[in-house]
C-alpha atoms as a PDB file:
ATOM      1  CA  MET A   1      12.725 -14.957   5.840  1.00  0.00           C
ATOM      2  CA  PHE A   2      11.136 -16.209   2.654  1.00  0.00           C
ATOM      3  CA  LEU A   3       8.316 -14.195   1.102  1.00  0.00           C
ATOM      4  CA  THR A   4       6.035 -15.400  -1.660  1.00  0.00           C
ATOM      5  CA  LEU A   5       3.172 -13.383  -3.093  1.00  0.00           C
ATOM      6  CA  VAL A   6       0.999 -14.131  -6.090  1.00  0.00           C
ATOM      7  CA  VAL A   7      -1.421 -11.488  -7.223  1.00  0.00           C
ATOM      8  CA  SER A   8      -2.617 -10.377 -10.602  1.00  0.00           C
ATOM      9  CA  GLY A   9      -4.587  -7.567 -12.143  1.00  0.00           C
ATOM     10  CA  GLY A  10      -4.634  -4.787 -14.731  1.00  0.00           C
ATOM     11  CA  VAL A  11      -2.586  -1.606 -14.417  1.00  0.00           C
ATOM     12  CA  SER A  12      -4.528   1.649 -14.677  1.00  0.00           C
ATOM     13  CA  SER A  13      -3.020   4.952 -15.772  1.00  0.00           C
ATOM     14  CA  ARG A  14      -3.402   6.239 -12.213  1.00  0.00           C
ATOM     15  CA  ASP A  15      -1.397   3.284 -10.927  1.00  0.00           C
ATOM     16  CA  GLN A  16       1.250   3.870 -13.562  1.00  0.00           C
ATOM     17  CA  ASN A  17       1.518   7.460 -12.297  1.00  0.00           C
ATOM     18  CA  TRP A  18       1.838   6.162  -8.736  1.00  0.00           C
ATOM     19  CA  LEU A  19       4.598   3.826  -9.855  1.00  0.00           C
ATOM     20  CA  SER A  20       6.434   6.689 -11.568  1.00  0.00           C
ATOM     21  CA  ARG A  21       6.320   8.721  -8.366  1.00  0.00           C
ATOM     22  CA  LEU A  22       7.550   5.705  -6.413  1.00  0.00           C
ATOM     23  CA  LYS A  23      10.488   5.280  -8.768  1.00  0.00           C
ATOM     24  CA  GLU A  24      11.398   8.963  -8.361  1.00  0.00           C
ATOM     25  CA  TRP A  25      11.200   8.589  -4.572  1.00  0.00           C
ATOM     26  CA  VAL A  26      13.465   5.530  -4.694  1.00  0.00           C
ATOM     27  CA  GLY A  27      15.973   7.493  -6.728  1.00  0.00           C
ATOM     28  CA  HIS A  28      17.263   4.811  -9.067  1.00  0.00           C
ATOM     29  CA  GLY A  29      16.787   4.309 -12.773  1.00  0.00           C
ATOM     30  CA  LYS A  30      16.100   0.586 -12.869  1.00  0.00           C
ATOM     31  CA  ARG A  31      13.400  -0.562 -15.229  1.00  0.00           C
ATOM     32  CA  ILE A  32      10.312  -2.009 -13.554  1.00  0.00           C
ATOM     33  CA  LEU A  33       8.665  -4.845 -15.405  1.00  0.00           C
ATOM     34  CA  VAL A  34       4.931  -5.441 -15.608  1.00  0.00           C
ATOM     35  CA  ALA A  35       3.828  -9.067 -15.787  1.00  0.00           C
ATOM     36  CA  ALA A  36       0.499 -10.591 -14.806  1.00  0.00           C
ATOM     37  CA  GLY A  37       0.831 -13.170 -12.058  1.00  0.00           C
ATOM     38  CA  ASP A  38       4.329 -12.032 -11.104  1.00  0.00           C
ATOM     39  CA  GLY A  39       5.765 -13.822  -8.082  1.00  0.00           C
ATOM     40  CA  VAL A  40       8.009 -12.618  -5.275  1.00  0.00           C
ATOM     41  CA  ARG A  41      10.859 -14.306  -3.473  1.00  0.00           C
ATOM     42  CA  HIS A  42      13.316 -13.149  -0.876  1.00  0.00           C
ATOM     43  CA  ASN A  43      16.188 -14.776   0.981  1.00  0.00           C
ATOM     44  CA  ALA A  44      15.000 -18.385   1.002  1.00  0.00           C
ATOM     45  CA  PRO A  45      16.160 -20.075   4.207  1.00  0.00           C
ATOM     46  CA  TYR A  46      16.123 -23.589   2.774  1.00  0.00           C
ATOM     47  CA  HIS A  47      17.021 -23.311  -0.922  1.00  0.00           C
ATOM     48  CA  ALA A  48      19.760 -21.383  -2.664  1.00  0.00           C
ATOM     49  CA  THR A  49      17.720 -20.970  -5.850  1.00  0.00           C
ATOM     50  CA  ASN A  50      14.962 -18.366  -5.762  1.00  0.00           C
ATOM     51  CA  ASN A  51      12.376 -17.178  -8.269  1.00  0.00           C
ATOM     52  CA  PHE A  52      13.127 -13.562  -9.087  1.00  0.00           C
ATOM     53  CA  GLY A  53      10.472 -12.835 -11.660  1.00  0.00           C
ATOM     54  CA  PRO A  54       7.385 -14.109 -13.457  1.00  0.00           C
ATOM     55  CA  THR A  55       7.578 -17.726 -14.508  1.00  0.00           C
ATOM     56  CA  ARG A  56       6.433 -18.994 -17.882  1.00  0.00           C
ATOM     57  CA  LYS A  57       3.431 -20.514 -16.140  1.00  0.00           C
ATOM     58  CA  GLU A  58       2.501 -17.190 -14.574  1.00  0.00           C
ATOM     59  CA  ALA A  59       3.099 -15.122 -17.705  1.00  0.00           C
ATOM     60  CA  ALA A  60       0.985 -17.510 -19.798  1.00  0.00           C
ATOM     61  CA  MET A  61      -1.976 -17.652 -17.414  1.00  0.00           C
ATOM     62  CA  SER A  62      -5.222 -16.956 -19.216  1.00  0.00           C
ATOM     63  CA  SER A  63      -7.956 -14.724 -17.846  1.00  0.00           C
ATOM     64  CA  PHE A  64     -10.367 -16.505 -15.541  1.00  0.00           C
ATOM     65  CA  PRO A  65     -13.944 -15.510 -14.705  1.00  0.00           C
ATOM     66  CA  THR A  66     -14.029 -12.432 -12.474  1.00  0.00           C
ATOM     67  CA  GLN A  67     -17.167 -13.348 -10.519  1.00  0.00           C
ATOM     68  CA  GLN A  68     -16.428 -12.846  -6.849  1.00  0.00           C
ATOM     69  CA  VAL A  69     -16.574 -15.801  -4.488  1.00  0.00           C
ATOM     70  CA  ARG A  70     -16.965 -15.937  -0.740  1.00  0.00           C
ATOM     71  CA  VAL A  71     -14.408 -17.964   1.169  1.00  0.00           C
ATOM     72  CA  HIS A  72     -14.094 -19.287   4.707  1.00  0.00           C
ATOM     73  CA  ILE A  73     -10.694 -18.521   6.209  1.00  0.00           C
ATOM     74  CA  ARG A  74      -9.461 -20.888   8.903  1.00  0.00           C
ATOM     75  CA  TRP A  75      -6.305 -22.290  10.454  1.00  0.00           C
ATOM     76  CA  MET A  76      -4.222 -24.499   8.182  1.00  0.00           C
ATOM     77  CA  ILE A  77      -4.184 -28.160   9.250  1.00  0.00           C
ATOM     78  CA  ARG A  78      -2.054 -31.082   8.098  1.00  0.00           C
ATOM     79  CA  ARG A  79      -4.651 -32.503   5.714  1.00  0.00           C
ATOM     80  CA  ASP A  80      -4.641 -29.183   3.793  1.00  0.00           C
ATOM     81  CA  MET A  81      -1.033 -29.710   2.763  1.00  0.00           C
ATOM     82  CA  GLU A  82      -1.757 -31.516  -0.505  1.00  0.00           C
ATOM     83  CA  GLU A  83      -3.933 -28.660  -1.799  1.00  0.00           C
ATOM     84  CA  VAL A  84      -1.580 -25.998  -0.440  1.00  0.00           C
ATOM     85  CA  LEU A  85       1.365 -27.619  -2.212  1.00  0.00           C
ATOM     86  CA  SER A  86      -0.647 -27.791  -5.429  1.00  0.00           C
ATOM     87  CA  ILE A  87      -1.344 -24.044  -5.279  1.00  0.00           C
ATOM     88  CA  GLU A  88       2.310 -23.362  -4.484  1.00  0.00           C
ATOM     89  CA  GLN A  89       3.559 -25.538  -7.345  1.00  0.00           C
ATOM     90  CA  HIS A  90       1.159 -23.960  -9.844  1.00  0.00           C
ATOM     91  CA  SER A  91       2.255 -20.495  -8.763  1.00  0.00           C
ATOM     92  CA  PHE A  92       6.040 -20.633  -8.696  1.00  0.00           C
ATOM     93  CA  GLU A  93       8.864 -22.110 -10.688  1.00  0.00           C
ATOM     94  CA  PHE A  94      10.827 -22.721  -7.485  1.00  0.00           C
ATOM     95  CA  PRO A  95       8.103 -23.543  -4.946  1.00  0.00           C
ATOM     96  CA  TRP A  96       8.366 -24.368  -1.281  1.00  0.00           C
ATOM     97  CA  PHE A  97       8.441 -28.070  -0.502  1.00  0.00           C
ATOM     98  CA  GLU A  98       6.381 -29.749   2.187  1.00  0.00           C
ATOM     99  CA  GLU A  99       9.322 -29.755   4.593  1.00  0.00           C
ATOM    100  CA  ASP A 100       9.664 -25.989   4.120  1.00  0.00           C
ATOM    101  CA  PHE A 101       6.064 -25.439   5.210  1.00  0.00           C
ATOM    102  CA  ILE A 102       6.414 -27.818   8.147  1.00  0.00           C
ATOM    103  CA  ARG A 103       9.668 -26.276   9.317  1.00  0.00           C
ATOM    104  CA  CYS A 104       8.188 -22.788   9.137  1.00  0.00           C
ATOM    105  CA  LEU A 105       4.924 -23.707  10.851  1.00  0.00           C
ATOM    106  CA  ARG A 106       6.766 -25.423  13.703  1.00  0.00           C
ATOM    107  CA  GLN A 107       8.041 -22.043  14.804  1.00  0.00           C
ATOM    108  CA  ARG A 108       5.990 -20.690  17.679  1.00  0.00           C
ATOM    109  CA  ASN A 109       5.364 -17.329  16.030  1.00  0.00           C
ATOM    110  CA  CYS A 110       4.502 -18.674  12.546  1.00  0.00           C
ATOM    111  CA  ILE A 111       0.847 -19.097  11.531  1.00  0.00           C
ATOM    112  CA  GLY A 112      -0.718 -20.727   8.486  1.00  0.00           C
ATOM    113  CA  MET A 113      -4.265 -20.053   7.258  1.00  0.00           C
ATOM    114  CA  VAL A 114      -6.236 -21.258   4.247  1.00  0.00           C
ATOM    115  CA  ALA A 115      -9.130 -19.807   2.260  1.00  0.00           C
ATOM    116  CA  GLU A 116     -11.749 -22.474   1.627  1.00  0.00           C
ATOM    117  CA  HIS A 117     -14.524 -22.368  -0.989  1.00  0.00           C
ATOM    118  CA  GLY A 118     -16.954 -25.233  -0.586  1.00  0.00           C
ATOM    119  CA  GLU A 119     -14.672 -28.078   0.408  1.00  0.00           C
ATOM    120  CA  ARG A 120     -11.704 -26.869  -1.606  1.00  0.00           C
ATOM    121  CA  VAL A 121      -8.674 -24.858  -0.450  1.00  0.00           C
ATOM    122  CA  VAL A 122      -8.323 -21.980  -2.939  1.00  0.00           C
ATOM    123  CA  GLY A 123      -5.690 -19.847  -1.202  1.00  0.00           C
ATOM    124  CA  PHE A 124      -3.324 -19.748   1.743  1.00  0.00           C
ATOM    125  CA  MET A 125      -1.080 -17.408   3.681  1.00  0.00           C
ATOM    126  CA  ILE A 126       1.798 -17.847   6.084  1.00  0.00           C
ATOM    127  CA  TYR A 127       2.658 -15.031   8.461  1.00  0.00           C
ATOM    128  CA  GLU A 128       4.749 -14.319  11.533  1.00  0.00           C
ATOM    129  CA  LEU A 129       3.559 -12.857  14.810  1.00  0.00           C
ATOM    130  CA  HIS A 130       5.778 -10.130  16.221  1.00  0.00           C
ATOM    131  CA  LYS A 131       5.279  -7.952  19.265  1.00  0.00           C
ATOM    132  CA  THR A 132       3.755  -5.007  17.407  1.00  0.00           C
ATOM    133  CA  ARG A 133       3.097  -6.344  13.909  1.00  0.00           C
ATOM    134  CA  LEU A 134       2.219  -9.222  11.600  1.00  0.00           C
ATOM    135  CA  HIS A 135       4.672 -10.059   8.824  1.00  0.00           C
ATOM    136  CA  ILE A 136       3.502 -11.877   5.686  1.00  0.00           C
ATOM    137  CA  LEU A 137       5.888 -14.601   4.447  1.00  0.00           C
ATOM    138  CA  ASN A 138       3.916 -16.532   1.834  1.00  0.00           C
ATOM    139  CA  PHE A 139       0.661 -15.590   0.104  1.00  0.00           C
ATOM    140  CA  ALA A 140      -0.933 -17.314  -2.895  1.00  0.00           C
ATOM    141  CA  VAL A 141      -4.304 -17.967  -4.527  1.00  0.00           C
ATOM    142  CA  ALA A 142      -5.165 -20.842  -6.876  1.00  0.00           C
ATOM    143  CA  PRO A 143      -4.873 -19.614 -10.497  1.00  0.00           C
ATOM    144  CA  GLU A 144      -8.545 -20.121 -11.353  1.00  0.00           C
ATOM    145  CA  PHE A 145      -9.628 -18.145  -8.274  1.00  0.00           C
ATOM    146  CA  ARG A 146      -7.444 -15.086  -8.804  1.00  0.00           C
ATOM    147  CA  ARG A 147      -9.182 -11.748  -9.438  1.00  0.00           C
ATOM    148  CA  ARG A 148     -12.230 -13.109  -7.629  1.00  0.00           C
ATOM    149  CA  ASP A 149     -11.830 -11.290  -4.297  1.00  0.00           C
ATOM    150  CA  VAL A 150     -10.120 -14.188  -2.519  1.00  0.00           C
ATOM    151  CA  GLY A 151      -6.890 -12.279  -1.854  1.00  0.00           C
ATOM    152  CA  ARG A 152      -8.745  -9.277  -0.449  1.00  0.00           C
ATOM    153  CA  GLN A 153     -10.678 -11.471   1.972  1.00  0.00           C
ATOM    154  CA  MET A 154      -7.428 -13.047   3.142  1.00  0.00           C
ATOM    155  CA  VAL A 155      -5.873  -9.641   3.788  1.00  0.00           C
ATOM    156  CA  ASP A 156      -9.054  -8.488   5.537  1.00  0.00           C
ATOM    157  CA  LYS A 157      -8.651 -11.448   7.896  1.00  0.00           C
ATOM    158  CA  LEU A 158      -5.200 -10.222   8.871  1.00  0.00           C
ATOM    159  CA  VAL A 159      -6.403  -6.647   9.264  1.00  0.00           C
ATOM    160  CA  SER A 160      -9.108  -7.861  11.662  1.00  0.00           C
ATOM    161  CA  LYS A 161      -6.347  -9.133  13.959  1.00  0.00           C
ATOM    162  CA  LEU A 162      -4.873  -5.665  14.459  1.00  0.00           C
ATOM    163  CA  SER A 163      -5.679  -3.432  17.403  1.00  0.00           C
ATOM    164  CA  SER A 164      -4.446  -0.158  18.849  1.00  0.00           C
ATOM    165  CA  GLN A 165      -3.444  -1.938  22.071  1.00  0.00           C
ATOM    166  CA  ARG A 166      -1.114  -4.565  20.617  1.00  0.00           C
ATOM    167  CA  ARG A 167      -0.287  -5.351  16.992  1.00  0.00           C
ATOM    168  CA  THR A 168      -0.852  -2.200  14.990  1.00  0.00           C
ATOM    169  CA  ARG A 169       0.509  -2.992  11.525  1.00  0.00           C
ATOM    170  CA  ILE A 170       1.121  -5.573   8.803  1.00  0.00           C
ATOM    171  CA  THR A 171       4.421  -5.603   6.910  1.00  0.00           C
ATOM    172  CA  LEU A 172       5.885  -7.399   3.916  1.00  0.00           C
ATOM    173  CA  GLU A 173       8.656  -7.007   1.359  1.00  0.00           C
ATOM    174  CA  VAL A 174       7.900  -6.761  -2.353  1.00  0.00           C
ATOM    175  CA  ARG A 175      10.382  -7.015  -5.190  1.00  0.00           C
ATOM    176  CA  GLU A 176      10.839  -3.790  -7.154  1.00  0.00           C
ATOM    177  CA  THR A 177       9.801  -5.590 -10.364  1.00  0.00           C
ATOM    178  CA  ASN A 178       6.605  -7.003  -8.876  1.00  0.00           C
ATOM    179  CA  LEU A 179       4.178  -4.287  -9.946  1.00  0.00           C
ATOM    180  CA  PRO A 180       1.036  -6.468  -9.618  1.00  0.00           C
ATOM    181  CA  ALA A 181       1.792  -7.192  -5.945  1.00  0.00           C
ATOM    182  CA  GLN A 182       2.601  -3.542  -5.266  1.00  0.00           C
ATOM    183  CA  LEU A 183      -0.696  -2.418  -6.795  1.00  0.00           C
ATOM    184  CA  PHE A 184      -2.705  -5.152  -5.087  1.00  0.00           C
ATOM    185  CA  PHE A 185      -1.501  -4.157  -1.632  1.00  0.00           C
ATOM    186  CA  LYS A 186      -1.665  -0.429  -2.419  1.00  0.00           C
ATOM    187  CA  GLN A 187      -5.356  -0.826  -3.266  1.00  0.00           C
ATOM    188  CA  LEU A 188      -5.887  -2.437   0.147  1.00  0.00           C
ATOM    189  CA  GLY A 189      -4.300   0.439   2.046  1.00  0.00           C
ATOM    190  CA  PHE A 190      -0.638  -0.605   2.181  1.00  0.00           C
ATOM    191  CA  ARG A 191       2.055   2.006   1.569  1.00  0.00           C
ATOM    192  CA  ALA A 192       5.717   1.708   0.618  1.00  0.00           C
ATOM    193  CA  THR A 193       7.721   2.902   3.633  1.00  0.00           C
ATOM    194  CA  MET A 194      11.301   1.917   2.888  1.00  0.00           C
ATOM    195  CA  VAL A 195      13.642   0.776   0.140  1.00  0.00           C
ATOM    196  CA  LEU A 196      15.803  -2.234   1.005  1.00  0.00           C
ATOM    197  CA  ARG A 197      18.870  -1.933  -1.218  1.00  0.00           C
ATOM    198  CA  SER A 198      20.250  -5.129  -2.780  1.00  0.00           C
ATOM    199  CA  PHE A 199      17.873  -7.095  -0.594  1.00  0.00           C
ATOM    200  CA  TYR A 200      18.112 -10.385  -2.486  1.00  0.00           C
ATOM    201  CA  GLU A 201      21.050 -12.737  -2.236  1.00  0.00           C
ATOM    202  CA  ASP A 202      20.924 -13.942  -5.853  1.00  0.00           C
ATOM    203  CA  SER A 203      19.986 -10.642  -7.486  1.00  0.00           C
ATOM    204  CA  PRO A 204      21.068  -6.991  -7.303  1.00  0.00           C
ATOM    205  CA  GLU A 205      17.396  -6.071  -7.162  1.00  0.00           C
ATOM    206  CA  ASP A 206      15.987  -3.897  -4.392  1.00  0.00           C
ATOM    207  CA  ALA A 207      12.813  -4.518  -2.403  1.00  0.00           C
ATOM    208  CA  TYR A 208      10.107  -2.206  -1.116  1.00  0.00           C
ATOM    209  CA  MET A 209       8.958  -2.564   2.460  1.00  0.00           C
ATOM    210  CA  MET A 210       5.173  -2.132   2.443  1.00  0.00           C
ATOM    211  CA  GLN A 211       3.066  -1.546   5.508  1.00  0.00           C
ATOM    212  CA  PHE A 212      -0.574  -1.383   6.537  1.00  0.00           C
ATOM    213  CA  ARG A 213      -1.204   0.559   9.736  1.00  0.00           C
ATOM    214  CA  HIS A 214      -4.233   0.107  11.956  1.00  0.00           C
ATOM    215  CA  VAL A 215      -6.330   3.258  12.397  1.00  0.00           C
ATOM    216  CA  PRO A 216      -8.641   3.167  15.422  1.00  0.00           C
ATOM    217  CA  ALA A 217     -12.274   3.822  14.648  1.00  0.00           C
ATOM    218  CA  ALA A 218     -13.311   7.356  15.535  1.00  0.00           C
ATOM    219  CA  LEU A 219     -15.721   7.702  18.443  1.00  0.00           C
ATOM    220  CA  PRO A 220     -19.126   9.154  17.478  1.00  0.00           C
ATOM    221  CA  GLU A 221     -19.491  12.839  18.214  1.00  0.00           C
ATOM    222  CA  LEU A 222     -21.941  13.447  21.074  1.00  0.00           C
ATOM    223  CA  PRO A 223     -24.433  16.340  20.979  1.00  0.00           C
ATOM    224  CA  ALA A 224     -23.407  19.300  23.160  1.00  0.00           C
ATOM    225  CA  ALA A 225     -26.082  18.595  25.783  1.00  0.00           C
ATOM    226  CA  ASN A 226     -24.955  14.975  26.122  1.00  0.00           C
ATOM    227  CA  ARG A 227     -21.351  16.041  26.584  1.00  0.00           C
ATOM    228  CA  ILE A 228     -22.313  18.360  29.426  1.00  0.00           C
ATOM    229  CA  ASP A 229     -24.386  15.633  31.076  1.00  0.00           C
ATOM    230  CA  ARG A 230     -21.491  13.224  30.721  1.00  0.00           C
ATOM    231  CA  LEU A 231     -19.062  15.641  32.349  1.00  0.00           C
ATOM    232  CA  ALA A 232     -21.538  16.222  35.125  1.00  0.00           C
ATOM    233  CA  GLY A 233     -21.633  12.503  35.858  1.00  0.00           C
END
């Protein structure tokens, strides 16, 4: 499938240490590049040309105000397509086209959602439903709304769909050079679980499989007397 992620943010020394440990765990000496607004692509089903690194647009993005905004996350509908395509085109050098979105969303297990602020679509995500997990395919936020908590709210929406009875995890693939995406998802509780060697068709680059696992809420501890009463019926 075709995965697109756009996230951005600073890299702390602690995160650099985490990255160093990750590189040691992977066991290869490839250089990992740090670039704000880096994008991710993998195995495009409709186009032979993929974007395997930060575009000039992404690398040149200026810093936007960091004031957090609240968004309403809802199902994607056809009239959202113009704004979704605008976000996609401003995020990637080789963006999805409208027919790519339509073809993907026509699949029974493929879901599209948008993040709306006021009457404007400021982010979107495309994900697949599987028996025990959700798999993110495409994830982007409008440039002027990045670093304003929109991405976290979108991920929180997906996390709210997990349960211990059915779908228990969220998965995605991230390019080894996409440090901003790795750090973004790490901060939200995702962990790298696997290295996918030579994962991309047009690049020798590897990918990291990242996963968020649902943890059931712990039941409150009952006082000893209440436990005895409960056992007694």
